[in-house]
Amino acid sequence: MVGSAIYRKLQKEGYQNIITKTSKELDLRDQQAVADFFAAEKPDYVFLAAAKVGGIVANNTYRADFLYENLAIQNNVIHQSYLNSVTKLMFLGSSCIYPKMAPQPLKEDYLLTGTLEPTNEPYAIAKIAGIKMCDAYRDQYGCNFISVMPTNLYGLNDNYHPENSHVLPALIRKFDEAKSNGSKEVVIWGTGSPMREFLFADDLADACYYLMENYNEPNLINIGTGEDLTIKDLALAVKGTVGFEGELVFDTSKPDGTPRKLMDVSKLHNLGWKHQIELKEGLKLAYQDYLSKK
């Protein structure tokens, strides 16, 4: 989703010499394969958007996979970017790197100030290592490697898998299937009270392009909207977008995850970038994308 959005943005800006590989063509976990790729292609700029990702269930079930595979991907790409004199690299993390009970909204300075959310700790630890790796290569070798931390993302080419998807695409699928099946209710995990922020992937791509041109500092920078809503309100918004007429039922035996994950985006706003696509418009675009891939 993110990679394709960045690709569209670069094409829109007139870039033609864009090097891409699918995961089938290039396994970023394979050290030798990544070394061969960099030696052959010699890229000038790298957007590292690849990761093993998922929602609460996937994160908590495949803990070893999430830690090992994400470390392998970023170790290989960041190190080869240094060895092959890449001009600039952007590493994309996730808002789950912040401590579970960090003050809200989440400022960049809150990294490593408290305990992580247990369900996605392996993924978060891998991403934190990536941020520190970029800073370490900057300190030791003078590499212009930057780290950006997107909030929850959704958009075109999202993952709608019933078990391994994030909350927003999972809700789109749930409500659409319930509508098609004539169901009277849709069950939502948890209490519906946790608050989440959502950014359309094309807005993220726009921010990434902007920061690749304008941001050259150590440490991370948040990318988000600075606005959030409860899971219940999100579910109601998706319900309205899909046109499901039944009821919502909240399964409180299921985990809620982190109570709130709102990004402080003042650093980004001060640099001159702000999101364009609001949730209502974004949900319509995402639902049309889902329908086109059914």
C-alpha atoms as a PDB file:
ATOM      1  CA  MET A   1       0.000   0.000   0.000  1.00  0.00           C
ATOM      2  CA  VAL A   2       2.659   2.517   1.078  1.00  0.00           C
ATOM      3  CA  GLY A   3       5.167   1.552  -1.586  1.00  0.00           C
ATOM      4  CA  SER A   4       2.606   1.864  -4.375  1.00  0.00           C
ATOM      5  CA  ALA A   5       1.473   5.261  -3.034  1.00  0.00           C
ATOM      6  CA  ILE A   6       5.065   6.554  -2.998  1.00  0.00           C
ATOM      7  CA  TYR A   7       5.533   5.163  -6.510  1.00  0.00           C
ATOM      8  CA  ARG A   8       2.437   7.040  -7.745  1.00  0.00           C
ATOM      9  CA  LYS A   9       3.682  10.247  -6.128  1.00  0.00           C
ATOM     10  CA  LEU A  10       7.123   9.970  -7.737  1.00  0.00           C
ATOM     11  CA  GLN A  11       5.547   9.327 -11.143  1.00  0.00           C
ATOM     12  CA  LYS A  12       3.273  12.326 -10.647  1.00  0.00           C
ATOM     13  CA  GLU A  13       6.324  14.486  -9.926  1.00  0.00           C
ATOM     14  CA  GLY A  14       7.921  13.360 -13.190  1.00  0.00           C
ATOM     15  CA  TYR A  15      10.409  10.743 -11.974  1.00  0.00           C
ATOM     16  CA  GLN A  16      10.927   7.920 -14.457  1.00  0.00           C
ATOM     17  CA  ASN A  17      14.028   6.056 -13.279  1.00  0.00           C
ATOM     18  CA  ILE A  18      12.237   4.350 -10.374  1.00  0.00           C
ATOM     19  CA  ILE A  19      13.663   0.987  -9.308  1.00  0.00           C
ATOM     20  CA  THR A  20      11.128  -1.399  -7.790  1.00  0.00           C
ATOM     21  CA  LYS A  21      10.995  -5.083  -7.001  1.00  0.00           C
ATOM     22  CA  THR A  22       8.119  -7.144  -5.678  1.00  0.00           C
ATOM     23  CA  SER A  23       8.778  -9.330  -2.636  1.00  0.00           C
ATOM     24  CA  LYS A  24       8.723 -12.343  -4.972  1.00  0.00           C
ATOM     25  CA  GLU A  25      11.434 -10.786  -7.135  1.00  0.00           C
ATOM     26  CA  LEU A  26      13.621  -9.668  -4.226  1.00  0.00           C
ATOM     27  CA  ASP A  27      13.452 -11.133  -0.710  1.00  0.00           C
ATOM     28  CA  LEU A  28      14.724  -8.300   1.494  1.00  0.00           C
ATOM     29  CA  ARG A  29      15.332 -10.811   4.304  1.00  0.00           C
ATOM     30  CA  ASP A  30      18.016 -12.430   2.149  1.00  0.00           C
ATOM     31  CA  GLN A  31      21.322 -10.669   2.835  1.00  0.00           C
ATOM     32  CA  GLN A  32      23.069 -11.823  -0.340  1.00  0.00           C
ATOM     33  CA  ALA A  33      20.085 -11.037  -2.562  1.00  0.00           C
ATOM     34  CA  VAL A  34      19.916  -7.481  -1.178  1.00  0.00           C
ATOM     35  CA  ALA A  35      23.685  -7.021  -1.610  1.00  0.00           C
ATOM     36  CA  ASP A  36      23.453  -8.186  -5.236  1.00  0.00           C
ATOM     37  CA  PHE A  37      20.499  -5.882  -5.899  1.00  0.00           C
ATOM     38  CA  PHE A  38      22.279  -2.775  -4.569  1.00  0.00           C
ATOM     39  CA  ALA A  39      25.505  -3.626  -6.396  1.00  0.00           C
ATOM     40  CA  ALA A  40      23.623  -3.985  -9.676  1.00  0.00           C
ATOM     41  CA  GLU A  41      21.175  -1.084  -9.412  1.00  0.00           C
ATOM     42  CA  LYS A  42      23.156   1.527  -7.404  1.00  0.00           C
ATOM     43  CA  PRO A  43      20.094   3.558  -6.315  1.00  0.00           C
ATOM     44  CA  ASP A  44      20.561   7.214  -5.301  1.00  0.00           C
ATOM     45  CA  TYR A  45      17.504   7.470  -3.035  1.00  0.00           C
ATOM     46  CA  VAL A  46      15.828   4.717  -1.012  1.00  0.00           C
ATOM     47  CA  PHE A  47      12.340   4.745   0.501  1.00  0.00           C
ATOM     48  CA  LEU A  48      12.344   1.782   2.913  1.00  0.00           C
ATOM     49  CA  ALA A  49       8.625   1.060   3.216  1.00  0.00           C
ATOM     50  CA  ALA A  50       8.866  -2.740   3.267  1.00  0.00           C
ATOM     51  CA  ALA A  51       7.952  -4.539   6.491  1.00  0.00           C
ATOM     52  CA  LYS A  52       6.119  -7.542   7.886  1.00  0.00           C
ATOM     53  CA  VAL A  53       2.972  -5.940   9.300  1.00  0.00           C
ATOM     54  CA  GLY A  54      -0.394  -6.884  10.769  1.00  0.00           C
ATOM     55  CA  GLY A  55      -2.987  -6.126  13.410  1.00  0.00           C
ATOM     56  CA  ILE A  56      -3.184  -7.212  17.062  1.00  0.00           C
ATOM     57  CA  VAL A  57      -3.749 -10.916  16.272  1.00  0.00           C
ATOM     58  CA  ALA A  58      -0.890 -11.216  13.784  1.00  0.00           C
ATOM     59  CA  ASN A  59       1.510  -9.177  15.940  1.00  0.00           C
ATOM     60  CA  ASN A  60       0.797 -11.252  19.026  1.00  0.00           C
ATOM     61  CA  THR A  61       0.720 -14.643  17.253  1.00  0.00           C
ATOM     62  CA  TYR A  62       3.824 -14.360  15.078  1.00  0.00           C
ATOM     63  CA  ARG A  63       6.067 -12.613  17.605  1.00  0.00           C
ATOM     64  CA  ALA A  64       9.316 -14.244  16.487  1.00  0.00           C
ATOM     65  CA  ASP A  65       8.542 -13.672  12.787  1.00  0.00           C
ATOM     66  CA  PHE A  66       7.739 -10.003  13.322  1.00  0.00           C
ATOM     67  CA  LEU A  67      10.977  -9.394  15.222  1.00  0.00           C
ATOM     68  CA  TYR A  68      13.317 -11.454  13.032  1.00  0.00           C
ATOM     69  CA  GLU A  69      11.933 -10.537   9.606  1.00  0.00           C
ATOM     70  CA  ASN A  70      11.683  -6.803  10.235  1.00  0.00           C
ATOM     71  CA  LEU A  71      15.206  -6.688  11.695  1.00  0.00           C
ATOM     72  CA  ALA A  72      16.509  -8.642   8.689  1.00  0.00           C
ATOM     73  CA  ILE A  73      14.794  -6.359   6.147  1.00  0.00           C
ATOM     74  CA  GLN A  74      16.057  -3.111   7.638  1.00  0.00           C
ATOM     75  CA  ASN A  75      19.537  -4.413   8.511  1.00  0.00           C
ATOM     76  CA  ASN A  76      20.089  -5.521   4.925  1.00  0.00           C
ATOM     77  CA  VAL A  77      18.693  -2.413   3.221  1.00  0.00           C
ATOM     78  CA  ILE A  78      20.234   0.185   5.554  1.00  0.00           C
ATOM     79  CA  HIS A  79      23.669  -1.450   5.541  1.00  0.00           C
ATOM     80  CA  GLN A  80      23.715  -1.898   1.753  1.00  0.00           C
ATOM     81  CA  SER A  81      22.603   1.711   1.324  1.00  0.00           C
ATOM     82  CA  TYR A  82      25.720   2.736   3.268  1.00  0.00           C
ATOM     83  CA  LEU A  83      28.041   0.351   1.387  1.00  0.00           C
ATOM     84  CA  ASN A  84      26.739   1.565  -1.975  1.00  0.00           C
ATOM     85  CA  SER A  85      26.861   5.288  -1.135  1.00  0.00           C
ATOM     86  CA  VAL A  86      23.127   5.972  -1.342  1.00  0.00           C
ATOM     87  CA  THR A  87      22.579   9.763  -1.300  1.00  0.00           C
ATOM     88  CA  LYS A  88      19.612   9.579   1.079  1.00  0.00           C
ATOM     89  CA  LEU A  89      17.495   6.885   2.711  1.00  0.00           C
ATOM     90  CA  MET A  90      14.113   7.224   4.362  1.00  0.00           C
ATOM     91  CA  PHE A  91      13.135   4.577   6.921  1.00  0.00           C
ATOM     92  CA  LEU A  92       9.415   4.239   7.669  1.00  0.00           C
ATOM     93  CA  GLY A  93       8.465   3.135  11.149  1.00  0.00           C
ATOM     94  CA  SER A  94       5.144   3.038  12.964  1.00  0.00           C
ATOM     95  CA  SER A  95       3.369   4.858  15.776  1.00  0.00           C
ATOM     96  CA  CYS A  96       3.490   1.653  17.863  1.00  0.00           C
ATOM     97  CA  ILE A  97       7.139   2.425  18.705  1.00  0.00           C
ATOM     98  CA  TYR A  98       5.954   4.753  21.463  1.00  0.00           C
ATOM     99  CA  PRO A  99       5.416   3.595  25.070  1.00  0.00           C
ATOM    100  CA  LYS A 100       1.940   2.218  25.804  1.00  0.00           C
ATOM    101  CA  MET A 101       1.123   4.856  28.412  1.00  0.00           C
ATOM    102  CA  ALA A 102       3.010   7.783  26.865  1.00  0.00           C
ATOM    103  CA  PRO A 103       1.353  11.206  27.251  1.00  0.00           C
ATOM    104  CA  GLN A 104      -0.902  12.248  24.371  1.00  0.00           C
ATOM    105  CA  PRO A 105      -0.360  13.482  21.741  1.00  0.00           C
ATOM    106  CA  LEU A 106       2.815  11.505  21.054  1.00  0.00           C
ATOM    107  CA  LYS A 107       5.856  13.725  20.689  1.00  0.00           C
ATOM    108  CA  GLU A 108       9.008  12.426  19.003  1.00  0.00           C
ATOM    109  CA  ASP A 109      10.871  12.882  22.313  1.00  0.00           C
ATOM    110  CA  TYR A 110       8.760  10.174  24.005  1.00  0.00           C
ATOM    111  CA  LEU A 111      10.618   7.348  22.262  1.00  0.00           C
ATOM    112  CA  LEU A 112      12.137   4.907  24.801  1.00  0.00           C
ATOM    113  CA  THR A 113      10.635   6.648  27.839  1.00  0.00           C
ATOM    114  CA  GLY A 114       8.429   3.733  28.959  1.00  0.00           C
ATOM    115  CA  THR A 115       7.157   0.180  28.464  1.00  0.00           C
ATOM    116  CA  LEU A 116       5.778  -0.838  25.067  1.00  0.00           C
ATOM    117  CA  GLU A 117       2.336  -2.291  24.353  1.00  0.00           C
ATOM    118  CA  PRO A 118       2.906  -6.063  24.937  1.00  0.00           C
ATOM    119  CA  THR A 119       0.885  -7.283  21.922  1.00  0.00           C
ATOM    120  CA  ASN A 120       3.094  -5.546  19.358  1.00  0.00           C
ATOM    121  CA  GLU A 121       6.363  -5.287  21.294  1.00  0.00           C
ATOM    122  CA  PRO A 122       8.442  -7.397  18.822  1.00  0.00           C
ATOM    123  CA  TYR A 123       7.418  -5.232  15.859  1.00  0.00           C
ATOM    124  CA  ALA A 124       8.015  -2.040  17.842  1.00  0.00           C
ATOM    125  CA  ILE A 125      11.465  -3.176  18.980  1.00  0.00           C
ATOM    126  CA  ALA A 126      12.458  -3.909  15.389  1.00  0.00           C
ATOM    127  CA  LYS A 127      11.300  -0.472  14.255  1.00  0.00           C
ATOM    128  CA  ILE A 128      13.078   1.269  17.141  1.00  0.00           C
ATOM    129  CA  ALA A 129      16.246  -0.568  16.129  1.00  0.00           C
ATOM    130  CA  GLY A 130      15.778   0.788  12.585  1.00  0.00           C
ATOM    131  CA  ILE A 131      15.515   4.370  13.818  1.00  0.00           C
ATOM    132  CA  LYS A 132      18.619   3.976  15.966  1.00  0.00           C
ATOM    133  CA  MET A 133      20.425   2.288  13.079  1.00  0.00           C
ATOM    134  CA  CYS A 134      19.763   5.262  10.778  1.00  0.00           C
ATOM    135  CA  ASP A 135      21.067   7.630  13.463  1.00  0.00           C
ATOM    136  CA  ALA A 136      24.112   5.425  14.128  1.00  0.00           C
ATOM    137  CA  TYR A 137      25.066   5.306  10.428  1.00  0.00           C
ATOM    138  CA  ARG A 138      24.641   9.094  10.314  1.00  0.00           C
ATOM    139  CA  ASP A 139      26.911   9.495  13.385  1.00  0.00           C
ATOM    140  CA  GLN A 140      29.588   7.017  12.336  1.00  0.00           C
ATOM    141  CA  TYR A 141      29.600   7.301   8.548  1.00  0.00           C
ATOM    142  CA  GLY A 142      27.887  10.617   7.778  1.00  0.00           C
ATOM    143  CA  CYS A 143      24.975   8.934   5.966  1.00  0.00           C
ATOM    144  CA  ASN A 144      21.912  11.091   5.310  1.00  0.00           C
ATOM    145  CA  PHE A 145      19.482   8.468   6.614  1.00  0.00           C
ATOM    146  CA  ILE A 146      16.202   9.806   8.051  1.00  0.00           C
ATOM    147  CA  SER A 147      13.340   8.137   9.946  1.00  0.00           C
ATOM    148  CA  VAL A 148       9.651   8.959   9.637  1.00  0.00           C
ATOM    149  CA  MET A 149       6.880   7.590  11.843  1.00  0.00           C
ATOM    150  CA  PRO A 150       3.505   7.321  10.085  1.00  0.00           C
ATOM    151  CA  THR A 151       0.310   6.995  12.072  1.00  0.00           C
ATOM    152  CA  ASN A 152      -2.277   4.305  11.193  1.00  0.00           C
ATOM    153  CA  LEU A 153      -2.577   4.138   7.420  1.00  0.00           C
ATOM    154  CA  TYR A 154      -5.284   3.082   4.986  1.00  0.00           C
ATOM    155  CA  GLY A 155      -5.944   3.514   1.291  1.00  0.00           C
ATOM    156  CA  LEU A 156      -5.490   1.945  -2.124  1.00  0.00           C
ATOM    157  CA  ASN A 157      -3.966  -1.562  -2.195  1.00  0.00           C
ATOM    158  CA  ASP A 158      -4.585  -2.116   1.522  1.00  0.00           C
ATOM    159  CA  ASN A 159      -4.564  -5.590   3.084  1.00  0.00           C
ATOM    160  CA  TYR A 160      -8.109  -6.843   3.718  1.00  0.00           C
ATOM    161  CA  HIS A 161      -7.165 -10.282   5.034  1.00  0.00           C
ATOM    162  CA  PRO A 162      -9.720 -11.426   7.671  1.00  0.00           C
ATOM    163  CA  GLU A 163      -7.024 -12.232  10.259  1.00  0.00           C
ATOM    164  CA  ASN A 164      -3.902 -10.248   9.369  1.00  0.00           C
ATOM    165  CA  SER A 165      -5.301  -6.832   8.439  1.00  0.00           C
ATOM    166  CA  HIS A 166      -5.393  -3.591  10.424  1.00  0.00           C
ATOM    167  CA  VAL A 167      -8.568  -2.267  12.008  1.00  0.00           C
ATOM    168  CA  LEU A 168      -9.850   0.036   9.252  1.00  0.00           C
ATOM    169  CA  PRO A 169      -9.554  -2.356   6.280  1.00  0.00           C
ATOM    170  CA  ALA A 170     -10.812  -5.178   8.526  1.00  0.00           C
ATOM    171  CA  LEU A 171     -13.930  -3.120   9.269  1.00  0.00           C
ATOM    172  CA  ILE A 172     -14.493  -2.368   5.580  1.00  0.00           C
ATOM    173  CA  ARG A 173     -14.424  -6.085   4.820  1.00  0.00           C
ATOM    174  CA  LYS A 174     -16.610  -6.987   7.823  1.00  0.00           C
ATOM    175  CA  PHE A 175     -19.316  -4.454   6.996  1.00  0.00           C
ATOM    176  CA  ASP A 176     -19.306  -5.256   3.279  1.00  0.00           C
ATOM    177  CA  GLU A 177     -19.634  -9.000   3.935  1.00  0.00           C
ATOM    178  CA  ALA A 178     -22.369  -8.403   6.499  1.00  0.00           C
ATOM    179  CA  LYS A 179     -24.219  -6.221   4.006  1.00  0.00           C
ATOM    180  CA  SER A 180     -23.878  -8.870   1.271  1.00  0.00           C
ATOM    181  CA  ASN A 181     -25.002 -11.658   3.605  1.00  0.00           C
ATOM    182  CA  GLY A 182     -27.934  -9.723   5.033  1.00  0.00           C
ATOM    183  CA  SER A 183     -26.520 -10.005   8.565  1.00  0.00           C
ATOM    184  CA  LYS A 184     -28.279  -8.183  11.388  1.00  0.00           C
ATOM    185  CA  GLU A 185     -25.123  -7.325  13.309  1.00  0.00           C
ATOM    186  CA  VAL A 186     -21.357  -6.871  13.052  1.00  0.00           C
ATOM    187  CA  VAL A 187     -19.090  -7.820  15.959  1.00  0.00           C
ATOM    188  CA  ILE A 188     -16.257  -5.389  16.753  1.00  0.00           C
ATOM    189  CA  TRP A 189     -13.277  -6.395  18.881  1.00  0.00           C
ATOM    190  CA  GLY A 190     -12.933  -4.728  22.272  1.00  0.00           C
ATOM    191  CA  THR A 191     -14.925  -1.943  23.870  1.00  0.00           C
ATOM    192  CA  GLY A 192     -14.811   0.533  21.001  1.00  0.00           C
ATOM    193  CA  SER A 193     -13.279   3.135  23.316  1.00  0.00           C
ATOM    194  CA  PRO A 194      -9.612   3.203  22.144  1.00  0.00           C
ATOM    195  CA  MET A 195      -8.818   6.220  20.008  1.00  0.00           C
ATOM    196  CA  ARG A 196      -6.937   6.024  16.726  1.00  0.00           C
ATOM    197  CA  GLU A 197      -5.668   8.434  14.099  1.00  0.00           C
ATOM    198  CA  PHE A 198      -5.841   7.547  10.392  1.00  0.00           C
ATOM    199  CA  LEU A 199      -3.898   8.917   7.437  1.00  0.00           C
ATOM    200  CA  PHE A 200      -4.677   8.154   3.796  1.00  0.00           C
ATOM    201  CA  ALA A 201      -1.672   6.467   2.165  1.00  0.00           C
ATOM    202  CA  ASP A 202      -1.466   9.010  -0.669  1.00  0.00           C
ATOM    203  CA  ASP A 203      -1.139  11.762   1.936  1.00  0.00           C
ATOM    204  CA  LEU A 204       1.681   9.777   3.537  1.00  0.00           C
ATOM    205  CA  ALA A 205       3.401   9.498   0.143  1.00  0.00           C
ATOM    206  CA  ASP A 206       3.081  13.253  -0.304  1.00  0.00           C
ATOM    207  CA  ALA A 207       4.652  13.800   3.133  1.00  0.00           C
ATOM    208  CA  CYS A 208       7.469  11.333   2.381  1.00  0.00           C
ATOM    209  CA  TYR A 209       8.283  13.124  -0.856  1.00  0.00           C
ATOM    210  CA  TYR A 210       8.219  16.490   0.933  1.00  0.00           C
ATOM    211  CA  LEU A 211      10.524  15.254   3.711  1.00  0.00           C
ATOM    212  CA  MET A 212      12.907  13.553   1.280  1.00  0.00           C
ATOM    213  CA  GLU A 213      13.392  17.020  -0.197  1.00  0.00           C
ATOM    214  CA  ASN A 214      13.291  19.110   2.981  1.00  0.00           C
ATOM    215  CA  TYR A 215      14.283  17.081   6.071  1.00  0.00           C
ATOM    216  CA  ASN A 216      17.880  16.060   6.814  1.00  0.00           C
ATOM    217  CA  GLU A 217      18.026  15.604  10.575  1.00  0.00           C
ATOM    218  CA  PRO A 218      18.758  12.791  13.035  1.00  0.00           C
ATOM    219  CA  ASN A 219      15.955  11.402  15.215  1.00  0.00           C
ATOM    220  CA  LEU A 220      12.483  10.727  13.896  1.00  0.00           C
ATOM    221  CA  ILE A 221       9.623  12.854  12.634  1.00  0.00           C
ATOM    222  CA  ASN A 222       5.925  11.964  13.007  1.00  0.00           C
ATOM    223  CA  ILE A 223       3.600  11.875  10.003  1.00  0.00           C
ATOM    224  CA  GLY A 224      -0.110  12.062  10.763  1.00  0.00           C
ATOM    225  CA  THR A 225      -3.188  14.249  10.830  1.00  0.00           C
ATOM    226  CA  GLY A 226      -3.059  15.277  14.485  1.00  0.00           C
ATOM    227  CA  GLU A 227      -6.733  14.220  14.785  1.00  0.00           C
ATOM    228  CA  ASP A 228      -8.237  10.981  16.120  1.00  0.00           C
ATOM    229  CA  LEU A 229     -11.536   9.251  16.848  1.00  0.00           C
ATOM    230  CA  THR A 230     -12.775   6.241  18.833  1.00  0.00           C
ATOM    231  CA  ILE A 231     -12.929   2.785  17.251  1.00  0.00           C
ATOM    232  CA  LYS A 232     -16.696   2.972  17.781  1.00  0.00           C
ATOM    233  CA  ASP A 233     -16.924   6.211  15.776  1.00  0.00           C
ATOM    234  CA  LEU A 234     -14.655   4.723  13.118  1.00  0.00           C
ATOM    235  CA  ALA A 235     -16.928   1.670  12.911  1.00  0.00           C
ATOM    236  CA  LEU A 236     -19.963   3.925  12.529  1.00  0.00           C
ATOM    237  CA  ALA A 237     -18.206   5.892   9.768  1.00  0.00           C
ATOM    238  CA  VAL A 238     -17.291   2.697   7.898  1.00  0.00           C
ATOM    239  CA  LYS A 239     -20.819   1.365   8.418  1.00  0.00           C
ATOM    240  CA  GLY A 240     -22.208   4.515   6.797  1.00  0.00           C
ATOM    241  CA  THR A 241     -19.728   4.393   3.906  1.00  0.00           C
ATOM    242  CA  VAL A 242     -20.516   0.745   3.141  1.00  0.00           C
ATOM    243  CA  GLY A 243     -24.255   1.175   3.669  1.00  0.00           C
ATOM    244  CA  PHE A 244     -24.714  -1.570   6.286  1.00  0.00           C
ATOM    245  CA  GLU A 245     -28.028  -1.214   8.109  1.00  0.00           C
ATOM    246  CA  GLY A 246     -27.586  -3.609  11.043  1.00  0.00           C
ATOM    247  CA  GLU A 247     -26.299  -3.206  14.596  1.00  0.00           C
ATOM    248  CA  LEU A 248     -22.827  -2.982  16.136  1.00  0.00           C
ATOM    249  CA  VAL A 249     -21.907  -5.456  18.894  1.00  0.00           C
ATOM    250  CA  PHE A 250     -18.708  -4.985  20.899  1.00  0.00           C
ATOM    251  CA  ASP A 251     -16.919  -8.144  22.077  1.00  0.00           C
ATOM    252  CA  THR A 252     -15.325  -6.940  25.315  1.00  0.00           C
ATOM    253  CA  SER A 253     -13.572 -10.291  25.860  1.00  0.00           C
ATOM    254  CA  LYS A 254     -11.148  -9.251  23.092  1.00  0.00           C
ATOM    255  CA  PRO A 255      -8.174  -6.919  23.738  1.00  0.00           C
ATOM    256  CA  ASP A 256      -8.363  -3.186  23.059  1.00  0.00           C
ATOM    257  CA  GLY A 257      -4.651  -2.615  22.557  1.00  0.00           C
ATOM    258  CA  THR A 258      -3.168   0.789  23.362  1.00  0.00           C
ATOM    259  CA  PRO A 259      -5.813   3.218  24.727  1.00  0.00           C
ATOM    260  CA  ARG A 260      -4.746   6.085  22.462  1.00  0.00           C
ATOM    261  CA  LYS A 261      -2.091   6.729  19.796  1.00  0.00           C
ATOM    262  CA  LEU A 262      -2.458  10.309  18.622  1.00  0.00           C
ATOM    263  CA  MET A 263       0.583  11.800  16.910  1.00  0.00           C
ATOM    264  CA  ASP A 264       1.947  15.220  17.754  1.00  0.00           C
ATOM    265  CA  VAL A 265       2.586  16.546  14.239  1.00  0.00           C
ATOM    266  CA  SER A 266       3.700  20.055  15.178  1.00  0.00           C
ATOM    267  CA  LYS A 267       7.255  19.302  13.969  1.00  0.00           C
ATOM    268  CA  LEU A 268       5.866  18.325  10.545  1.00  0.00           C
ATOM    269  CA  HIS A 269       3.447  21.266  10.400  1.00  0.00           C
ATOM    270  CA  ASN A 270       6.269  23.658  11.285  1.00  0.00           C
ATOM    271  CA  LEU A 271       8.200  22.334   8.277  1.00  0.00           C
ATOM    272  CA  GLY A 272       5.250  23.317   6.089  1.00  0.00           C
ATOM    273  CA  TRP A 273       3.336  20.086   5.382  1.00  0.00           C
ATOM    274  CA  LYS A 274      -0.272  19.198   6.281  1.00  0.00           C
ATOM    275  CA  HIS A 275      -2.579  16.374   5.173  1.00  0.00           C
ATOM    276  CA  GLN A 276      -5.219  16.971   2.482  1.00  0.00           C
ATOM    277  CA  ILE A 277      -7.561  13.942   2.505  1.00  0.00           C
ATOM    278  CA  GLU A 278     -10.050  13.835   5.392  1.00  0.00           C
ATOM    279  CA  LEU A 279     -11.411  10.529   6.721  1.00  0.00           C
ATOM    280  CA  LYS A 280     -14.863  10.771   5.114  1.00  0.00           C
ATOM    281  CA  GLU A 281     -13.374  11.205   1.629  1.00  0.00           C
ATOM    282  CA  GLY A 282     -10.640   8.645   2.301  1.00  0.00           C
ATOM    283  CA  LEU A 283     -13.124   5.977   3.388  1.00  0.00           C
ATOM    284  CA  LYS A 284     -15.054   6.354   0.126  1.00  0.00           C
ATOM    285  CA  LEU A 285     -11.842   5.937  -1.886  1.00  0.00           C
ATOM    286  CA  ALA A 286     -10.752   2.942   0.207  1.00  0.00           C
ATOM    287  CA  TYR A 287     -14.144   1.227  -0.095  1.00  0.00           C
ATOM    288  CA  GLN A 288     -14.164   1.677  -3.878  1.00  0.00           C
ATOM    289  CA  ASP A 289     -10.669   0.154  -3.957  1.00  0.00           C
ATOM    290  CA  TYR A 290     -11.860  -2.810  -1.861  1.00  0.00           C
ATOM    291  CA  LEU A 291     -14.851  -3.380  -4.156  1.00  0.00           C
ATOM    292  CA  SER A 292     -12.606  -3.281  -7.235  1.00  0.00           C
ATOM    293  CA  LYS A 293     -10.488  -6.117  -5.807  1.00  0.00           C
ATOM    294  CA  LYS A 294     -13.244  -8.436  -4.512  1.00  0.00           C
END
